[in-house]
């Protein structure tokens, strides 16, 4: 009987240890290829530049709520505490309108629209901005974002649009 009790208590301890080890392993969640900083896709279309930016709301709120950053000139206004999400979005839109620069062929373009999209299950927020231009040939594009966003990982693209007939093959040359 002693051997049986010893083996049951031994098995319980072994199971508890195995469960604890499994929980420990599961607590080390890895996020391969996840960028924690702000990202921006700059897309050049015919007559328009579109910017799709993703950033962490809490990080941006903290950056623009810092009165020390205001005193040293890193931000031009301090976000009041306790704003609703909608009021925060209005504040962010104002910052983006004043401090984002979009240029095409070294000619600054006015921002025609800014939309903030909430991501339901995430602290990330998506901002879509666009500016129109009338240039027939685009040779360069430039952007500058508010300093309060921190480093921004950006990609620049100029989509090529083609119709692919059903069952056909189409290739494009990438520049």
Protein backbone atom coordinates (compact mmCIF):
# COMPACT_ATOMS: atom_id res chain seq x y z
CA UNK A 1 0.00 0.00 0.00
CA UNK A 2 2.88 2.36 0.73
CA UNK A 3 4.32 1.75 -2.72
CA UNK A 4 0.94 2.50 -4.31
CA UNK A 5 0.58 5.81 -2.36
CA UNK A 6 4.12 6.73 -3.23
CA UNK A 7 3.50 6.13 -6.91
CA UNK A 8 0.21 8.12 -6.89
CA UNK A 9 1.81 11.09 -5.13
CA UNK A 10 4.81 10.79 -7.44
CA UNK A 11 2.52 10.83 -10.49
CA UNK A 12 0.62 13.85 -9.13
CA UNK A 13 3.88 15.74 -8.61
CA UNK A 14 5.07 14.75 -12.06
CA UNK A 15 1.80 15.95 -13.64
CA UNK A 16 1.91 19.23 -11.72
CA UNK A 17 5.51 19.79 -12.81
CA UNK A 18 4.68 18.94 -16.42
CA UNK A 19 1.69 21.29 -16.33
CA UNK A 20 3.80 24.09 -14.85
CA UNK A 21 6.47 23.54 -17.52
CA UNK A 22 3.85 23.61 -20.29
CA UNK A 23 2.37 26.85 -18.92
CA UNK A 24 5.84 28.34 -18.76
CA UNK A 25 6.51 27.43 -22.40
CA UNK A 26 3.17 28.85 -23.52
CA UNK A 27 3.89 32.13 -21.74
CA UNK A 28 6.79 32.79 -24.11
CA UNK A 29 4.71 33.93 -27.05
CA UNK A 30 6.79 34.93 -30.03
CA UNK A 31 5.75 37.40 -32.63
CA UNK A 32 7.90 36.64 -35.65
CA UNK A 33 7.96 39.47 -38.17
CA UNK A 34 5.59 41.67 -36.14
CA UNK A 35 6.66 45.29 -36.21
CA UNK A 36 5.79 47.04 -32.95
CA UNK A 37 6.52 50.52 -34.30
CA UNK A 38 4.33 52.58 -36.59
CA UNK A 39 4.11 51.36 -40.18
CA UNK A 40 3.07 53.25 -43.29
CA UNK A 41 2.28 52.15 -46.82
CA UNK A 42 2.66 54.99 -49.31
CA UNK A 43 0.80 54.10 -52.50
CA UNK A 44 1.08 56.21 -55.62
CA UNK A 45 -1.96 55.98 -57.88
CA UNK A 46 -2.96 58.01 -60.95
CA UNK A 47 -3.49 61.52 -59.60
CA UNK A 48 -3.40 60.48 -55.94
CA UNK A 49 -1.08 59.52 -53.09
CA UNK A 50 -2.62 57.29 -50.44
CA UNK A 51 -0.98 56.59 -47.07
CA UNK A 52 -2.20 53.72 -44.89
CA UNK A 53 -0.59 54.00 -41.48
CA UNK A 54 -0.88 51.69 -38.47
CA UNK A 55 0.17 52.82 -35.02
CA UNK A 56 -0.34 51.91 -31.39
CA UNK A 57 -2.99 54.21 -29.88
CA UNK A 58 -1.70 54.01 -26.29
CA UNK A 59 1.85 54.84 -27.40
CA UNK A 60 0.70 57.86 -29.41
CA UNK A 61 -1.56 59.09 -26.60
CA UNK A 62 1.39 58.88 -24.19
CA UNK A 63 3.66 60.74 -26.62
CA UNK A 64 1.26 63.66 -27.14
CA UNK A 65 0.22 63.83 -23.47
CA UNK A 66 3.78 64.42 -22.26
CA UNK A 67 4.09 68.02 -21.04
CA UNK A 68 7.91 67.68 -20.93
CA UNK A 69 7.89 66.93 -24.69
CA UNK A 70 5.84 70.09 -25.18
CA UNK A 71 8.32 72.18 -23.16
CA UNK A 72 11.28 71.03 -25.27
CA UNK A 73 9.37 71.52 -28.52
CA UNK A 74 8.93 67.86 -29.55
CA UNK A 75 5.15 68.37 -29.77
CA UNK A 76 3.23 71.59 -30.46
CA UNK A 77 0.23 70.89 -28.22
CA UNK A 78 -0.57 68.58 -25.30
CA UNK A 79 -3.53 66.21 -25.51
CA UNK A 80 -5.91 66.81 -22.60
CA UNK A 81 -6.41 63.82 -20.30
CA UNK A 82 -9.63 61.83 -20.31
CA UNK A 83 -10.64 62.36 -23.94
CA UNK A 84 -13.01 59.87 -25.55
CA UNK A 85 -11.76 57.77 -28.46
CA UNK A 86 -13.64 60.03 -30.88
CA UNK A 87 -12.09 63.17 -29.35
CA UNK A 88 -8.63 61.53 -29.49
CA UNK A 89 -9.19 60.79 -33.18
CA UNK A 90 -10.06 64.46 -33.77
CA UNK A 91 -6.90 65.50 -31.93
CA UNK A 92 -4.76 63.05 -33.96
CA UNK A 93 -6.34 64.20 -37.23
CA UNK A 94 -5.46 67.79 -36.34
CA UNK A 95 -1.82 66.80 -35.67
CA UNK A 96 -1.61 64.87 -38.94
CA UNK A 97 -3.09 67.77 -40.96
CA UNK A 98 -0.55 70.22 -39.50
CA UNK A 99 2.57 68.05 -39.39
CA UNK A 100 2.37 65.54 -42.25
CA UNK A 101 4.04 66.60 -45.48
CA UNK A 102 3.38 64.81 -48.76
CA UNK A 103 5.33 65.92 -51.82
CA UNK A 104 5.25 64.73 -55.41
CA UNK A 105 8.18 65.76 -57.63
CA UNK A 106 9.30 68.00 -54.72
CA UNK A 107 5.98 69.89 -54.83
CA UNK A 108 4.12 69.82 -51.53
CA UNK A 109 0.58 68.49 -51.85
CA UNK A 110 -2.34 69.39 -49.58
CA UNK A 111 -3.88 66.53 -47.63
CA UNK A 112 -7.41 66.12 -48.97
CA UNK A 113 -8.70 63.60 -46.46
CA UNK A 114 -7.90 61.72 -43.27
CA UNK A 115 -9.89 58.76 -41.94
CA UNK A 116 -9.22 56.95 -38.66
CA UNK A 117 -10.28 53.30 -38.60
CA UNK A 118 -10.53 51.49 -35.28
CA UNK A 119 -9.23 47.93 -35.14
CA UNK A 120 -11.72 46.02 -32.98
CA UNK A 121 -9.44 43.51 -31.24
CA UNK A 122 -6.30 45.57 -31.08
CA UNK A 123 -4.70 48.69 -29.64
CA UNK A 124 -3.59 49.44 -33.18
CA UNK A 125 -5.36 52.15 -35.09
CA UNK A 126 -5.28 52.59 -38.85
CA UNK A 127 -5.14 56.04 -40.41
CA UNK A 128 -5.76 56.54 -44.12
CA UNK A 129 -4.65 59.85 -45.66
CA UNK A 130 -4.72 60.96 -49.25
CA UNK A 131 -3.60 63.87 -51.37
CA UNK A 132 -4.43 64.48 -55.02
CA UNK A 133 -2.09 65.88 -57.66
CA UNK A 134 -2.35 66.86 -61.33
CA UNK A 135 1.16 65.89 -62.44
CA UNK A 136 1.30 63.78 -65.59
CA UNK A 137 4.64 62.16 -64.73
CA UNK A 138 5.74 61.33 -61.20
CA UNK A 139 9.48 60.97 -60.65
CA UNK A 140 9.67 61.23 -56.87
CA UNK A 141 7.50 61.12 -53.79
CA UNK A 142 8.35 62.29 -50.28
CA UNK A 143 6.64 62.12 -46.91
CA UNK A 144 7.25 63.42 -43.42
CA UNK A 145 5.22 62.44 -40.36
CA UNK A 146 4.75 64.01 -36.91
CA UNK A 147 7.70 63.37 -34.60
CA UNK A 148 5.29 62.11 -31.91
CA UNK A 149 4.74 58.93 -33.96
CA UNK A 150 8.37 57.90 -33.53
CA UNK A 151 10.16 55.81 -36.14
CA UNK A 152 7.97 54.73 -39.03
CA UNK A 153 8.67 51.64 -41.12
CA UNK A 154 7.52 52.64 -44.60
CA UNK A 155 6.95 50.95 -47.91
CA UNK A 156 6.43 52.80 -51.19
CA UNK A 157 4.59 51.33 -54.15
CA UNK A 158 3.09 52.21 -57.49
CA UNK A 159 0.55 49.53 -58.40
CA UNK A 160 0.28 48.31 -61.96
CA UNK A 161 -3.31 47.53 -62.92
CA UNK A 162 -4.05 44.83 -65.48
CA UNK A 163 -7.05 42.70 -66.31
CA UNK A 164 -6.40 38.99 -66.37
CA UNK A 165 -8.98 37.26 -68.56
CA UNK A 166 -10.47 34.09 -67.06
CA UNK A 167 -8.11 31.17 -67.47
CA UNK A 168 -5.31 33.35 -68.90
CA UNK A 169 -1.79 34.09 -67.75
CA UNK A 170 -0.44 37.66 -67.41
CA UNK A 171 2.96 38.89 -66.27
CA UNK A 172 4.24 42.36 -65.47
CA UNK A 173 7.72 43.83 -65.36
CA UNK A 174 8.71 45.19 -61.96
CA UNK A 175 10.92 48.27 -61.88
